[in-house]
Amino acid sequence: FNNLCAGKYTFIIEHLGCEPDTIL
């Protein structure tokens, strides 16, 4: 990811055959 501003963000990661994960 480019050109993001400083801060706190929630990342949601998914892949077929995987349990999704959420990271702050």
PDB file of all heavy atoms in Angstrom:
ATOM      1  N   PHE A   1       0.871  -1.173   0.000  1.00  0.00           N
ATOM      2  CA  PHE A   1       0.000   0.000   0.000  1.00  0.00           C
ATOM      3  C   PHE A   1       0.907   1.222   0.000  1.00  0.00           C
ATOM      4  O   PHE A   1       1.852   1.288   0.786  1.00  0.00           O
ATOM      5  CB  PHE A   1      -0.883   0.063   1.261  1.00  0.00           C
ATOM      6  CG  PHE A   1      -1.998  -0.935   1.277  1.00  0.00           C
ATOM      7  CD1 PHE A   1      -1.868  -2.121   1.980  1.00  0.00           C
ATOM      8  CD2 PHE A   1      -3.187  -0.679   0.619  1.00  0.00           C
ATOM      9  CE1 PHE A   1      -2.902  -3.041   2.027  1.00  0.00           C
ATOM     10  CE2 PHE A   1      -4.234  -1.596   0.658  1.00  0.00           C
ATOM     11  CZ  PHE A   1      -4.083  -2.781   1.357  1.00  0.00           C
ATOM     12  N   ASN A   2       0.622   2.200  -0.854  1.00  0.00           N
ATOM     13  CA  ASN A   2       1.393   3.433  -0.929  1.00  0.00           C
ATOM     14  C   ASN A   2       0.540   4.614  -0.504  1.00  0.00           C
ATOM     15  O   ASN A   2      -0.692   4.558  -0.546  1.00  0.00           O
ATOM     16  CB  ASN A   2       1.893   3.668  -2.362  1.00  0.00           C
ATOM     17  CG  ASN A   2       2.955   2.673  -2.755  1.00  0.00           C
ATOM     18  OD1 ASN A   2       3.955   2.503  -2.068  1.00  0.00           O
ATOM     19  ND2 ASN A   2       2.734   1.980  -3.858  1.00  0.00           N
ATOM     20  N   ASN A   3       1.207   5.683  -0.117  1.00  0.00           N
ATOM     21  CA  ASN A   3       0.573   6.978   0.185  1.00  0.00           C
ATOM     22  C   ASN A   3      -0.472   6.911   1.300  1.00  0.00           C
ATOM     23  O   ASN A   3      -1.526   7.527   1.201  1.00  0.00           O
ATOM     24  CB  ASN A   3      -0.027   7.587  -1.087  1.00  0.00           C
ATOM     25  CG  ASN A   3       1.015   7.784  -2.164  1.00  0.00           C
ATOM     26  OD1 ASN A   3       2.124   8.226  -1.871  1.00  0.00           O
ATOM     27  ND2 ASN A   3       0.678   7.430  -3.379  1.00  0.00           N
ATOM     28  N   LEU A   4      -0.160   6.159   2.345  1.00  0.00           N
ATOM     29  CA  LEU A   4      -1.033   6.122   3.515  1.00  0.00           C
ATOM     30  C   LEU A   4      -0.625   7.218   4.485  1.00  0.00           C
ATOM     31  O   LEU A   4       0.538   7.612   4.534  1.00  0.00           O
ATOM     32  CB  LEU A   4      -0.939   4.766   4.213  1.00  0.00           C
ATOM     33  CG  LEU A   4      -1.348   3.543   3.400  1.00  0.00           C
ATOM     34  CD1 LEU A   4      -1.145   2.272   4.218  1.00  0.00           C
ATOM     35  CD2 LEU A   4      -2.784   3.651   2.939  1.00  0.00           C
ATOM     36  N   CYS A   5      -1.573   7.701   5.252  1.00  0.00           N
ATOM     37  CA  CYS A   5      -1.304   8.682   6.307  1.00  0.00           C
ATOM     38  C   CYS A   5      -1.029   7.940   7.617  1.00  0.00           C
ATOM     39  O   CYS A   5      -1.512   6.833   7.826  1.00  0.00           O
ATOM     40  CB  CYS A   5      -2.495   9.609   6.492  1.00  0.00           C
ATOM     41  SG  CYS A   5      -2.906  10.599   5.046  1.00  0.00           S
ATOM     42  N   ALA A   6      -0.256   8.573   8.484  1.00  0.00           N
ATOM     43  CA  ALA A   6       0.003   7.995   9.803  1.00  0.00           C
ATOM     44  C   ALA A   6      -1.331   7.811  10.524  1.00  0.00           C
ATOM     45  O   ALA A   6      -2.253   8.598  10.364  1.00  0.00           O
ATOM     46  CB  ALA A   6       0.912   8.907  10.596  1.00  0.00           C
ATOM     47  N   GLY A   7      -1.413   6.734  11.295  1.00  0.00           N
ATOM     48  CA  GLY A   7      -2.643   6.501  12.045  1.00  0.00           C
ATOM     49  C   GLY A   7      -2.784   5.069  12.496  1.00  0.00           C
ATOM     50  O   GLY A   7      -1.844   4.280  12.446  1.00  0.00           O
ATOM     51  N   LYS A   8      -3.987   4.743  12.933  1.00  0.00           N
ATOM     52  CA  LYS A   8      -4.328   3.396  13.405  1.00  0.00           C
ATOM     53  C   LYS A   8      -5.375   2.836  12.448  1.00  0.00           C
ATOM     54  O   LYS A   8      -6.407   3.457  12.225  1.00  0.00           O
ATOM     55  CB  LYS A   8      -4.897   3.465  14.816  1.00  0.00           C
ATOM     56  CG  LYS A   8      -5.185   2.110  15.430  1.00  0.00           C
ATOM     57  CD  LYS A   8      -5.888   2.222  16.766  1.00  0.00           C
ATOM     58  CE  LYS A   8      -4.957   2.750  17.824  1.00  0.00           C
ATOM     59  NZ  LYS A   8      -5.567   2.695  19.183  1.00  0.00           N
ATOM     60  N   TYR A   9      -5.105   1.652  11.889  1.00  0.00           N
ATOM     61  CA  TYR A   9      -5.972   1.076  10.865  1.00  0.00           C
ATOM     62  C   TYR A   9      -6.229  -0.397  11.145  1.00  0.00           C
ATOM     63  O   TYR A   9      -5.379  -1.104  11.675  1.00  0.00           O
ATOM     64  CB  TYR A   9      -5.339   1.208   9.478  1.00  0.00           C
ATOM     65  CG  TYR A   9      -5.105   2.630   9.055  1.00  0.00           C
ATOM     66  CD1 TYR A   9      -3.849   3.204   9.172  1.00  0.00           C
ATOM     67  CD2 TYR A   9      -6.138   3.408   8.544  1.00  0.00           C
ATOM     68  CE1 TYR A   9      -3.624   4.522   8.784  1.00  0.00           C
ATOM     69  CE2 TYR A   9      -5.923   4.712   8.153  1.00  0.00           C
ATOM     70  CZ  TYR A   9      -4.664   5.270   8.273  1.00  0.00           C
ATOM     71  OH  TYR A   9      -4.455   6.568   7.889  1.00  0.00           O
ATOM     72  N   THR A  10      -7.410  -0.856  10.711  1.00  0.00           N
ATOM     73  CA  THR A  10      -7.791  -2.259  10.828  1.00  0.00           C
ATOM     74  C   THR A  10      -7.537  -2.936   9.489  1.00  0.00           C
ATOM     75  O   THR A  10      -8.124  -2.570   8.476  1.00  0.00           O
ATOM     76  CB  THR A  10      -9.286  -2.383  11.189  1.00  0.00           C
ATOM     77  OG1 THR A  10      -9.538  -1.614  12.366  1.00  0.00           O
ATOM     78  CG2 THR A  10      -9.667  -3.836  11.410  1.00  0.00           C
ATOM     79  N   PHE A  11      -6.636  -3.924   9.491  1.00  0.00           N
ATOM     80  CA  PHE A  11      -6.316  -4.700   8.293  1.00  0.00           C
ATOM     81  C   PHE A  11      -7.056  -6.029   8.359  1.00  0.00           C
ATOM     82  O   PHE A  11      -6.985  -6.735   9.372  1.00  0.00           O
ATOM     83  CB  PHE A  11      -4.811  -4.967   8.207  1.00  0.00           C
ATOM     84  CG  PHE A  11      -3.996  -3.770   7.807  1.00  0.00           C
ATOM     85  CD1 PHE A  11      -3.809  -2.713   8.682  1.00  0.00           C
ATOM     86  CD2 PHE A  11      -3.423  -3.703   6.544  1.00  0.00           C
ATOM     87  CE1 PHE A  11      -3.057  -1.606   8.306  1.00  0.00           C
ATOM     88  CE2 PHE A  11      -2.677  -2.603   6.162  1.00  0.00           C
ATOM     89  CZ  PHE A  11      -2.490  -1.549   7.045  1.00  0.00           C
ATOM     90  N   ILE A  12      -7.768  -6.365   7.290  1.00  0.00           N
ATOM     91  CA  ILE A  12      -8.467  -7.648   7.203  1.00  0.00           C
ATOM     92  C   ILE A  12      -7.772  -8.455   6.118  1.00  0.00           C
ATOM     93  O   ILE A  12      -7.677  -8.024   4.960  1.00  0.00           O
ATOM     94  CB  ILE A  12      -9.957  -7.447   6.873  1.00  0.00           C
ATOM     95  CG1 ILE A  12     -10.622  -6.594   7.961  1.00  0.00           C
ATOM     96  CG2 ILE A  12     -10.660  -8.809   6.733  1.00  0.00           C
ATOM     97  CD1 ILE A  12     -12.021  -6.130   7.624  1.00  0.00           C
ATOM     98  N   ILE A  13      -7.270  -9.641   6.485  1.00  0.00           N
ATOM     99  CA  ILE A  13      -6.498 -10.477   5.570  1.00  0.00           C
ATOM    100  C   ILE A  13      -7.279 -11.752   5.317  1.00  0.00           C
ATOM    101  O   ILE A  13      -7.719 -12.418   6.263  1.00  0.00           O
ATOM    102  CB  ILE A  13      -5.110 -10.812   6.167  1.00  0.00           C
ATOM    103  CG1 ILE A  13      -4.378  -9.518   6.578  1.00  0.00           C
ATOM    104  CG2 ILE A  13      -4.272 -11.593   5.183  1.00  0.00           C
ATOM    105  CD1 ILE A  13      -4.564  -9.122   7.983  1.00  0.00           C
ATOM    106  N   GLU A  14      -7.437 -12.101   4.021  1.00  0.00           N
ATOM    107  CA  GLU A  14      -8.193 -13.297   3.656  1.00  0.00           C
ATOM    108  C   GLU A  14      -7.483 -14.055   2.542  1.00  0.00           C
ATOM    109  O   GLU A  14      -6.815 -13.456   1.699  1.00  0.00           O
ATOM    110  CB  GLU A  14      -9.597 -12.908   3.179  1.00  0.00           C
ATOM    111  CG  GLU A  14     -10.445 -12.256   4.252  1.00  0.00           C
ATOM    112  CD  GLU A  14     -11.823 -11.862   3.743  1.00  0.00           C
ATOM    113  OE1 GLU A  14     -11.894 -11.147   2.721  1.00  0.00           O
ATOM    114  OE2 GLU A  14     -12.813 -12.280   4.363  1.00  0.00           O
ATOM    115  N   HIS A  15      -7.672 -15.370   2.554  1.00  0.00           N
ATOM    116  CA  HIS A  15      -7.160 -16.238   1.504  1.00  0.00           C
ATOM    117  C   HIS A  15      -8.049 -17.469   1.440  1.00  0.00           C
ATOM    118  O   HIS A  15      -8.485 -17.985   2.478  1.00  0.00           O
ATOM    119  CB  HIS A  15      -5.710 -16.639   1.786  1.00  0.00           C
ATOM    120  CG  HIS A  15      -5.092 -17.462   0.709  1.00  0.00           C
ATOM    121  ND1 HIS A  15      -5.038 -18.833   0.766  1.00  0.00           N
ATOM    122  CD2 HIS A  15      -4.499 -17.100  -0.459  1.00  0.00           C
ATOM    123  CE1 HIS A  15      -4.433 -19.285  -0.328  1.00  0.00           C
ATOM    124  NE2 HIS A  15      -4.098 -18.254  -1.083  1.00  0.00           N
ATOM    125  N   LEU A  16      -8.297 -17.935   0.237  1.00  0.00           N
ATOM    126  CA  LEU A  16      -9.120 -19.123   0.045  1.00  0.00           C
ATOM    127  C   LEU A  16      -8.531 -20.295   0.822  1.00  0.00           C
ATOM    128  O   LEU A  16      -7.342 -20.578   0.726  1.00  0.00           O
ATOM    129  CB  LEU A  16      -9.195 -19.462  -1.454  1.00  0.00           C
ATOM    130  CG  LEU A  16     -10.163 -20.569  -1.841  1.00  0.00           C
ATOM    131  CD1 LEU A  16     -11.594 -20.149  -1.510  1.00  0.00           C
ATOM    132  CD2 LEU A  16     -10.048 -20.866  -3.316  1.00  0.00           C
ATOM    133  N   GLY A  17      -9.342 -20.942   1.608  1.00  0.00           N
ATOM    134  CA  GLY A  17      -8.888 -22.087   2.399  1.00  0.00           C
ATOM    135  C   GLY A  17      -8.279 -21.689   3.731  1.00  0.00           C
ATOM    136  O   GLY A  17      -7.752 -22.528   4.442  1.00  0.00           O
ATOM    137  N   CYS A  18      -8.347 -20.392   4.075  1.00  0.00           N
ATOM    138  CA  CYS A  18      -7.780 -19.909   5.337  1.00  0.00           C
ATOM    139  C   CYS A  18      -8.856 -19.246   6.178  1.00  0.00           C
ATOM    140  O   CYS A  18      -9.831 -18.714   5.661  1.00  0.00           O
ATOM    141  CB  CYS A  18      -6.679 -18.883   5.080  1.00  0.00           C
ATOM    142  SG  CYS A  18      -5.241 -19.520   4.251  1.00  0.00           S
ATOM    143  N   GLU A  19      -8.619 -19.257   7.459  1.00  0.00           N
ATOM    144  CA  GLU A  19      -9.456 -18.500   8.380  1.00  0.00           C
ATOM    145  C   GLU A  19      -9.054 -17.031   8.256  1.00  0.00           C
ATOM    146  O   GLU A  19      -7.884 -16.701   8.386  1.00  0.00           O
ATOM    147  CB  GLU A  19      -9.194 -19.014   9.798  1.00  0.00           C
ATOM    148  CG  GLU A  19     -10.217 -18.647  10.825  1.00  0.00           C
ATOM    149  CD  GLU A  19     -11.574 -19.268  10.570  1.00  0.00           C
ATOM    150  OE1 GLU A  19     -11.657 -20.414  10.104  1.00  0.00           O
ATOM    151  OE2 GLU A  19     -12.559 -18.579  10.844  1.00  0.00           O
ATOM    152  N   PRO A  20      -9.993 -16.111   7.968  1.00  0.00           N
ATOM    153  CA  PRO A  20      -9.631 -14.684   7.856  1.00  0.00           C
ATOM    154  C   PRO A  20      -9.059 -14.160   9.172  1.00  0.00           C
ATOM    155  O   PRO A  20      -9.368 -14.683  10.241  1.00  0.00           O
ATOM    156  CB  PRO A  20     -10.944 -13.978   7.537  1.00  0.00           C
ATOM    157  CG  PRO A  20     -11.908 -15.050   7.174  1.00  0.00           C
ATOM    158  CD  PRO A  20     -11.421 -16.318   7.761  1.00  0.00           C
ATOM    159  N   ASP A  21      -8.238 -13.121   9.094  1.00  0.00           N
ATOM    160  CA  ASP A  21      -7.653 -12.531  10.289  1.00  0.00           C
ATOM    161  C   ASP A  21      -7.831 -11.013  10.234  1.00  0.00           C
ATOM    162  O   ASP A  21      -7.836 -10.425   9.152  1.00  0.00           O
ATOM    163  CB  ASP A  21      -6.171 -12.879  10.398  1.00  0.00           C
ATOM    164  CG  ASP A  21      -5.634 -12.716  11.799  1.00  0.00           C
ATOM    165  OD1 ASP A  21      -6.422 -12.430  12.723  1.00  0.00           O
ATOM    166  OD2 ASP A  21      -4.418 -12.889  11.986  1.00  0.00           O
ATOM    167  N   THR A  22      -7.977 -10.405  11.393  1.00  0.00           N
ATOM    168  CA  THR A  22      -8.109  -8.953  11.511  1.00  0.00           C
ATOM    169  C   THR A  22      -7.015  -8.468  12.444  1.00  0.00           C
ATOM    170  O   THR A  22      -6.876  -8.969  13.560  1.00  0.00           O
ATOM    171  CB  THR A  22      -9.494  -8.577  12.075  1.00  0.00           C
ATOM    172  OG1 THR A  22     -10.502  -9.099  11.199  1.00  0.00           O
ATOM    173  CG2 THR A  22      -9.649  -7.080  12.178  1.00  0.00           C
ATOM    174  N   ILE A  23      -6.228  -7.502  11.965  1.00  0.00           N
ATOM    175  CA  ILE A  23      -5.094  -6.977  12.722  1.00  0.00           C
ATOM    176  C   ILE A  23      -5.231  -5.458  12.818  1.00  0.00           C
ATOM    177  O   ILE A  23      -5.457  -4.793  11.807  1.00  0.00           O
ATOM    178  CB  ILE A  23      -3.755  -7.308  12.028  1.00  0.00           C
ATOM    179  CG1 ILE A  23      -3.611  -8.796  11.732  1.00  0.00           C
ATOM    180  CG2 ILE A  23      -2.567  -6.764  12.820  1.00  0.00           C
ATOM    181  CD1 ILE A  23      -3.353  -9.662  12.921  1.00  0.00           C
ATOM    182  N   LEU A  24      -5.063  -4.904  14.014  1.00  0.00           N
ATOM    183  CA  LEU A  24      -5.067  -3.460  14.206  1.00  0.00           C
ATOM    184  C   LEU A  24      -3.611  -2.988  14.226  1.00  0.00           C
ATOM    185  O   LEU A  24      -2.813  -3.460  15.037  1.00  0.00           O
ATOM    186  CB  LEU A  24      -5.758  -3.099  15.521  1.00  0.00           C
ATOM    187  CG  LEU A  24      -5.969  -1.627  15.791  1.00  0.00           C
ATOM    188  CD1 LEU A  24      -6.874  -0.989  14.720  1.00  0.00           C
ATOM    189  CD2 LEU A  24      -6.572  -1.429  17.166  1.00  0.00           C
TER     190      LEU A  24
END
